[in-house]
Amino acid sequence: MGCGCILTTIALLMPRVLMAFILLMTDWFGRAYESVIWPVLGFLFMPYTTLAYMAAQIRGGGLSGGWVALLIVAVIVDVAHWGGGGHAARRRQGERG
């Protein structure tokens, strides 16, 4: 397992570890979201976006100004993780074939 794999694993796990810490230590999820489903789906699929939205709701009072920019960047980072994984899989498949 190379250094790149370790760094990728850490990058993928850190927002989820932070979300677990926030869930255990604060009431921010309850203040930012009205239902449990969105944080759960965010934990599984889009953790950076979930954290950015929660920050905008808790610290910014809603989505406005710089918080919208932060949310857009978070969506791009989350989507890039999904797209990067597909690209790497196609590249590995091409090396075998």
Protein backbone atom coordinates (compact mmCIF):
# COMPACT_ATOMS: atom_id res chain seq x y z
CA MET A 1 0.00 0.00 0.00
CA GLY A 2 1.63 3.17 -1.22
CA CYS A 3 1.69 6.64 0.26
CA GLY A 4 -0.98 7.80 -2.20
CA CYS A 5 -3.41 5.17 -0.95
CA ILE A 6 -2.85 6.15 2.66
CA LEU A 7 -3.36 9.85 1.92
CA THR A 8 -6.51 9.10 -0.07
CA THR A 9 -7.90 6.97 2.74
CA ILE A 10 -7.21 9.71 5.29
CA ALA A 11 -8.82 12.34 3.03
CA LEU A 12 -11.93 10.21 2.63
CA LEU A 13 -12.25 9.43 6.34
CA MET A 14 -11.51 12.83 7.91
CA PRO A 15 -14.84 14.55 7.20
CA ARG A 16 -16.69 11.48 8.45
CA VAL A 17 -14.61 11.36 11.63
CA LEU A 18 -15.31 15.07 12.12
CA MET A 19 -19.04 14.46 11.61
CA ALA A 20 -19.01 11.68 14.21
CA PHE A 21 -17.18 13.95 16.65
CA ILE A 22 -19.69 16.77 16.05
CA LEU A 23 -22.59 14.35 16.54
CA LEU A 24 -21.20 13.11 19.85
CA MET A 25 -20.09 16.47 21.26
CA THR A 26 -22.62 19.05 20.03
CA ASP A 27 -26.22 19.56 18.99
CA TRP A 28 -25.29 21.17 15.65
CA PHE A 29 -26.92 18.49 13.50
CA GLY A 30 -30.22 19.00 15.30
CA ARG A 31 -29.96 22.77 14.86
CA ALA A 32 -28.97 22.65 11.18
CA TYR A 33 -31.22 19.86 9.89
CA GLU A 34 -34.90 19.21 10.52
CA SER A 35 -34.71 15.47 9.82
CA VAL A 36 -32.13 12.77 10.37
CA ILE A 37 -32.12 11.54 6.78
CA TRP A 38 -30.04 14.40 5.31
CA PRO A 39 -27.09 14.08 7.71
CA VAL A 40 -27.11 10.28 7.24
CA LEU A 41 -27.11 10.59 3.45
CA GLY A 42 -24.47 13.30 3.73
CA PHE A 43 -22.29 11.06 5.88
CA LEU A 44 -22.47 8.32 3.26
CA PHE A 45 -22.26 10.30 0.02
CA MET A 46 -21.35 13.99 0.45
CA PRO A 47 -19.63 14.67 3.78
CA TYR A 48 -17.96 17.96 2.84
CA THR A 49 -21.25 19.37 1.56
CA THR A 50 -23.03 18.26 4.73
CA LEU A 51 -20.42 19.96 6.91
CA ALA A 52 -20.49 23.15 4.81
CA TYR A 53 -24.28 23.37 4.96
CA MET A 54 -24.23 22.79 8.70
CA ALA A 55 -21.62 25.54 9.14
CA ALA A 56 -23.70 27.94 7.05
CA GLN A 57 -26.79 27.24 9.12
CA ILE A 58 -25.08 27.36 12.52
CA ARG A 59 -22.47 30.09 12.04
CA GLY A 60 -23.90 32.08 9.13
CA GLY A 61 -27.59 32.01 9.88
CA GLY A 62 -28.38 30.51 6.48
CA LEU A 63 -27.08 30.27 2.95
CA SER A 64 -25.95 33.71 1.88
CA GLY A 65 -22.80 35.41 0.70
CA GLY A 66 -19.60 33.54 1.35
CA TRP A 67 -21.48 30.55 2.73
CA VAL A 68 -22.91 29.88 -0.73
CA ALA A 69 -19.37 29.92 -2.14
CA LEU A 70 -18.23 27.50 0.57
CA LEU A 71 -21.14 25.18 -0.21
CA ILE A 72 -20.33 25.22 -3.93
CA VAL A 73 -16.69 24.37 -3.25
CA ALA A 74 -17.80 21.53 -0.94
CA VAL A 75 -20.09 20.10 -3.63
CA ILE A 76 -17.24 20.24 -6.15
CA VAL A 77 -14.87 18.45 -3.75
CA ASP A 78 -17.46 15.73 -3.01
CA VAL A 79 -18.26 15.20 -6.69
CA ALA A 80 -14.54 15.13 -7.52
CA HIS A 81 -14.05 12.28 -5.05
CA TRP A 82 -16.71 10.25 -6.86
CA GLY A 83 -15.39 11.15 -10.31
CA GLY A 84 -11.78 10.54 -9.34
CA GLY A 85 -12.60 7.03 -8.15
CA GLY A 86 -14.27 6.19 -11.44
CA HIS A 87 -11.35 7.58 -13.42
CA ALA A 88 -8.84 5.54 -11.41
CA ALA A 89 -10.89 2.36 -11.90
CA ARG A 90 -11.04 2.89 -15.67
CA ARG A 91 -7.30 3.53 -15.74
CA ARG A 92 -6.57 0.33 -13.80
CA GLN A 93 -8.90 -1.63 -16.08
CA GLY A 94 -7.00 -0.29 -19.10
CA GLU A 95 -3.67 -1.41 -17.61
CA ARG A 96 -4.92 -5.00 -17.22
CA GLY A 97 -6.54 -5.26 -20.64
